[in-house]
């Protein structure tokens, strides 16, 4: 009996992207625009969750982005 191939779902595609990037994540992000877009989307979602649920952590992380950071040097 012939069964047609199921249509790939977004979770299936996400798993494929993870498998592709697992060996060398930094190279995969640089070379594959689809992986780069997925990484940026997930990073953006993470940042939105941090701002929403823990604004003080968001403030700390933003402060650590500057060099030299007074937060890193214990001046917070």
Protein backbone atom coordinates (compact mmCIF):
# COMPACT_ATOMS: atom_id res chain seq x y z
CA UNK A 1 0.00 0.00 0.00
CA UNK A 2 1.37 3.41 -0.95
CA UNK A 3 1.24 6.16 1.65
CA UNK A 4 2.10 9.66 0.53
CA UNK A 5 4.89 11.49 2.30
CA UNK A 6 3.49 13.64 5.08
CA UNK A 7 3.84 17.37 4.68
CA UNK A 8 6.64 18.69 6.82
CA UNK A 9 5.37 20.60 9.81
CA UNK A 10 7.08 23.55 11.36
CA UNK A 11 8.32 21.39 14.23
CA UNK A 12 9.78 18.88 11.79
CA UNK A 13 11.54 21.69 9.92
CA UNK A 14 12.82 23.12 13.20
CA UNK A 15 14.32 19.75 14.11
CA UNK A 16 15.99 19.54 10.71
CA UNK A 17 17.52 22.99 11.25
CA UNK A 18 18.76 21.99 14.69
CA UNK A 19 20.37 18.82 13.33
CA UNK A 20 22.08 20.82 10.61
CA UNK A 21 23.44 23.38 13.06
CA UNK A 22 24.45 20.92 15.80
CA UNK A 23 27.87 20.06 14.35
CA UNK A 24 29.13 23.65 14.05
CA UNK A 25 26.56 26.23 15.15
CA UNK A 26 28.57 29.37 14.43
CA UNK A 27 29.39 28.22 10.91
CA UNK A 28 25.79 27.17 10.27
CA UNK A 29 24.49 30.59 11.34
CA UNK A 30 26.99 32.34 9.08
CA UNK A 31 26.40 30.18 6.02
CA UNK A 32 22.69 29.30 6.08
CA UNK A 33 20.23 32.21 5.88
CA UNK A 34 17.35 30.05 7.11
CA UNK A 35 19.29 29.02 10.22
CA UNK A 36 20.36 32.63 10.77
CA UNK A 37 16.74 33.80 10.56
CA UNK A 38 15.60 31.07 12.96
CA UNK A 39 18.37 31.99 15.40
CA UNK A 40 17.52 35.69 15.26
CA UNK A 41 13.81 34.98 15.72
CA UNK A 42 14.41 32.78 18.75
CA UNK A 43 16.85 35.29 20.21
CA UNK A 44 14.29 38.07 19.76
CA UNK A 45 11.61 35.95 21.48
CA UNK A 46 14.01 35.25 24.36
CA UNK A 47 14.77 38.96 24.74
CA UNK A 48 11.05 39.80 24.76
CA UNK A 49 10.42 37.16 27.44
CA UNK A 50 13.26 38.53 29.58
CA UNK A 51 11.94 42.08 29.31
CA UNK A 52 8.40 40.92 30.08
CA UNK A 53 9.13 38.61 33.01
CA UNK A 54 12.31 40.02 34.53
CA UNK A 55 12.99 43.66 33.65
CA UNK A 56 15.87 43.91 36.13
CA UNK A 57 17.68 41.09 34.32
CA UNK A 58 17.07 42.91 31.04
CA UNK A 59 18.66 46.03 32.55
CA UNK A 60 21.64 44.00 33.75
CA UNK A 61 22.15 42.36 30.34
CA UNK A 62 21.92 45.70 28.53
CA UNK A 63 24.50 47.14 30.91
CA UNK A 64 26.86 44.25 30.24
CA UNK A 65 26.76 45.00 26.51
CA UNK A 66 28.86 48.13 26.88
CA UNK A 67 32.61 48.09 27.43
CA UNK A 68 33.71 48.77 30.10
CA UNK A 69 30.55 48.03 32.00
CA UNK A 70 30.09 49.45 35.49
CA UNK A 71 27.84 46.49 36.30
CA UNK A 72 30.56 43.98 35.51
CA UNK A 73 32.97 45.94 37.71
CA UNK A 74 30.59 45.79 40.70
CA UNK A 75 29.30 49.35 40.55
CA UNK A 76 25.63 48.53 40.16
